Amino acid sequence: MRPVYGAFPFGLKRVASEELSGNASRALAFATAQRYAAWPRPLSSMLKPILKVQKIPFDHPDSHYMFQPGPEKPFLVTPAAIALYRDAIYRCLTELKRLAVEKQGLDYLQVFEDPDKDEPLWFIEDGPGGAISALLPSDH
């Protein structure tokens, strides 16, 4: 019997074919609940930090930064940002990349806030030859 893979929030889970025949939705719901139960933090903490609305309109000419790290545009994170936002930094960058594609560019400065933290998390993209940086306002 061939295994079937179902997509879940934290990756793929192997599900036996017989689980999917007849009661597919119940089997997938059970498997998803098992994944969430095993997660060490409350689900609400995964929804933070929240991206603030940028100060300029998305169609403004200065709203053209794509937040796509690469060899010509390295991604840098300050030690203070890692200490305060360790688990959220990659998720925030992923959200910025998705939004930049959707809106065809963003402002160079993007701010994520978490009411449980002392400082917001900034993402700044420099111009050509620069970098994408994740930092705290106190790092700037």
Protein backbone atom coordinates (compact mmCIF):
# COMPACT_ATOMS: atom_id res chain seq x y z
CA MET A 1 0.00 0.00 0.00
CA ARG A 2 1.37 3.42 -0.98
CA PRO A 3 1.64 6.07 1.72
CA VAL A 4 -0.21 9.34 1.28
CA TYR A 5 1.15 12.63 2.56
CA GLY A 6 -1.08 15.34 3.97
CA ALA A 7 -0.03 18.97 4.31
CA PHE A 8 -0.08 20.31 7.85
CA PRO A 9 1.07 23.61 9.39
CA PHE A 10 4.39 22.13 10.49
CA GLY A 11 5.23 20.00 7.48
CA LEU A 12 4.06 16.79 5.88
CA LYS A 13 2.62 13.87 7.81
CA ARG A 14 2.51 10.38 6.47
CA VAL A 15 -1.06 9.03 6.56
CA ALA A 16 -1.94 5.44 5.71
CA SER A 17 -4.18 5.07 2.66
CA GLU A 18 -6.86 3.24 4.65
CA GLU A 19 -7.17 6.24 6.96
CA LEU A 20 -8.18 8.37 3.98
CA SER A 21 -10.77 6.01 2.54
CA GLY A 22 -14.20 6.83 3.89
CA ASN A 23 -13.31 9.10 6.81
CA ALA A 24 -10.68 11.35 5.23
CA SER A 25 -11.64 14.57 6.95
CA ARG A 26 -11.85 12.93 10.37
CA ALA A 27 -8.42 11.29 9.92
CA LEU A 28 -6.81 14.55 8.78
CA ALA A 29 -8.43 16.54 11.60
CA PHE A 30 -7.17 14.00 14.15
CA ALA A 31 -3.65 14.07 12.67
CA THR A 32 -3.65 17.89 12.73
CA ALA A 33 -4.85 17.96 16.34
CA GLN A 34 -2.03 15.58 17.28
CA ARG A 35 0.50 17.94 15.70
CA TYR A 36 -0.87 20.97 17.56
CA ALA A 37 -0.99 19.05 20.86
CA ALA A 38 2.70 18.21 20.49
CA TRP A 39 3.69 21.83 19.88
CA PRO A 40 5.43 23.18 23.00
CA ARG A 41 3.89 26.67 22.95
CA PRO A 42 0.33 27.97 22.89
CA LEU A 43 -0.97 28.51 19.38
CA SER A 44 -1.67 32.19 20.14
CA SER A 45 2.07 32.84 20.58
CA MET A 46 2.65 31.70 16.98
CA LEU A 47 0.49 34.56 15.70
CA LYS A 48 2.79 37.23 17.12
CA PRO A 49 4.44 39.55 16.24
CA ILE A 50 2.06 41.48 14.00
CA LEU A 51 3.15 43.52 10.98
CA LYS A 52 2.21 47.20 11.24
CA VAL A 53 0.80 49.00 8.21
CA GLN A 54 3.58 50.82 6.34
CA LYS A 55 3.57 54.63 6.34
CA ILE A 56 3.52 55.10 2.56
CA PRO A 57 0.94 53.64 0.15
CA PHE A 58 1.82 50.38 -1.60
CA ASP A 59 1.57 52.11 -5.00
CA HIS A 60 4.07 54.85 -4.01
CA PRO A 61 7.28 54.84 -6.12
CA ASP A 62 9.40 54.31 -2.97
CA SER A 63 7.47 51.13 -2.19
CA HIS A 64 9.62 48.84 -4.34
CA TYR A 65 11.66 46.70 -1.91
CA MET A 66 11.11 42.94 -2.21
CA PHE A 67 12.86 41.58 0.94
CA GLN A 68 14.41 38.69 -1.03
CA PRO A 69 17.76 37.69 0.51
CA GLY A 70 20.41 36.27 -1.80
CA PRO A 71 24.12 36.40 -2.64
CA GLU A 72 23.87 40.07 -3.62
CA LYS A 73 21.49 40.93 -0.75
CA PRO A 74 22.52 39.13 2.48
CA PHE A 75 20.13 38.76 5.42
CA LEU A 76 21.62 40.02 8.70
CA VAL A 77 20.18 39.82 12.21
CA THR A 78 21.53 41.64 15.26
CA PRO A 79 22.23 39.67 18.46
CA ALA A 80 19.63 41.74 20.35
CA ALA A 81 16.95 40.88 17.77
CA ILE A 82 17.83 37.19 18.05
CA ALA A 83 17.63 37.35 21.84
CA LEU A 84 14.16 38.96 21.80
CA TYR A 85 12.54 37.48 18.67
CA ARG A 86 14.48 34.26 18.01
CA ASP A 87 11.52 32.07 16.97
CA ALA A 88 9.68 34.75 15.00
CA ILE A 89 12.37 36.22 12.72
CA TYR A 90 12.15 33.68 9.90
CA ARG A 91 8.34 33.72 9.99
CA CYS A 92 8.35 37.53 9.76
CA LEU A 93 10.77 37.50 6.81
CA THR A 94 8.60 34.93 5.05
CA GLU A 95 5.54 37.13 5.60
CA LEU A 96 7.40 40.14 4.16
CA LYS A 97 8.51 38.20 1.07
CA ARG A 98 4.93 37.02 0.44
CA LEU A 99 3.45 40.50 0.93
CA ALA A 100 6.13 42.12 -1.28
CA VAL A 101 5.21 39.79 -4.14
CA GLU A 102 1.49 40.39 -3.58
CA LYS A 103 1.85 44.21 -3.45
CA GLN A 104 4.71 44.39 -5.99
CA GLY A 105 7.01 45.99 -3.45
CA LEU A 106 7.11 47.40 0.07
CA ASP A 107 8.66 50.36 1.87
CA TYR A 108 12.29 49.87 2.93
CA LEU A 109 11.28 49.79 6.64
CA GLN A 110 8.81 47.22 7.95
CA VAL A 111 7.86 46.98 11.62
CA PHE A 112 6.53 44.00 13.56
CA GLU A 113 5.11 44.55 17.04
CA ASP A 114 4.45 42.11 19.85
CA PRO A 115 2.62 43.48 22.90
CA ASP A 116 4.58 41.05 25.09
CA LYS A 117 7.97 42.49 24.02
CA ASP A 118 9.72 45.69 25.06
CA GLU A 119 10.66 46.72 21.50
CA PRO A 120 9.33 46.16 18.01
CA LEU A 121 11.26 44.17 15.41
CA TRP A 122 12.41 46.20 12.42
CA PHE A 123 13.27 44.88 8.97
CA ILE A 124 15.25 47.30 6.81
CA GLU A 125 16.24 46.66 3.22
CA ASP A 126 19.15 48.72 1.92
CA GLY A 127 19.47 49.77 -1.70
CA PRO A 128 21.65 48.02 -4.32
CA GLY A 129 24.74 46.40 -2.81
CA GLY A 130 23.23 46.55 0.67
CA ALA A 131 21.60 44.00 2.94
CA ILE A 132 18.32 43.10 4.57
CA SER A 133 18.60 43.60 8.32
CA ALA A 134 16.42 42.47 11.22
CA LEU A 135 17.10 44.64 14.24
CA LEU A 136 15.59 46.41 17.22
CA PRO A 137 15.18 50.20 17.31
CA SER A 138 17.82 50.31 20.08
CA ASP A 139 20.30 48.69 17.62
CA HIS A 140 19.92 51.53 15.11
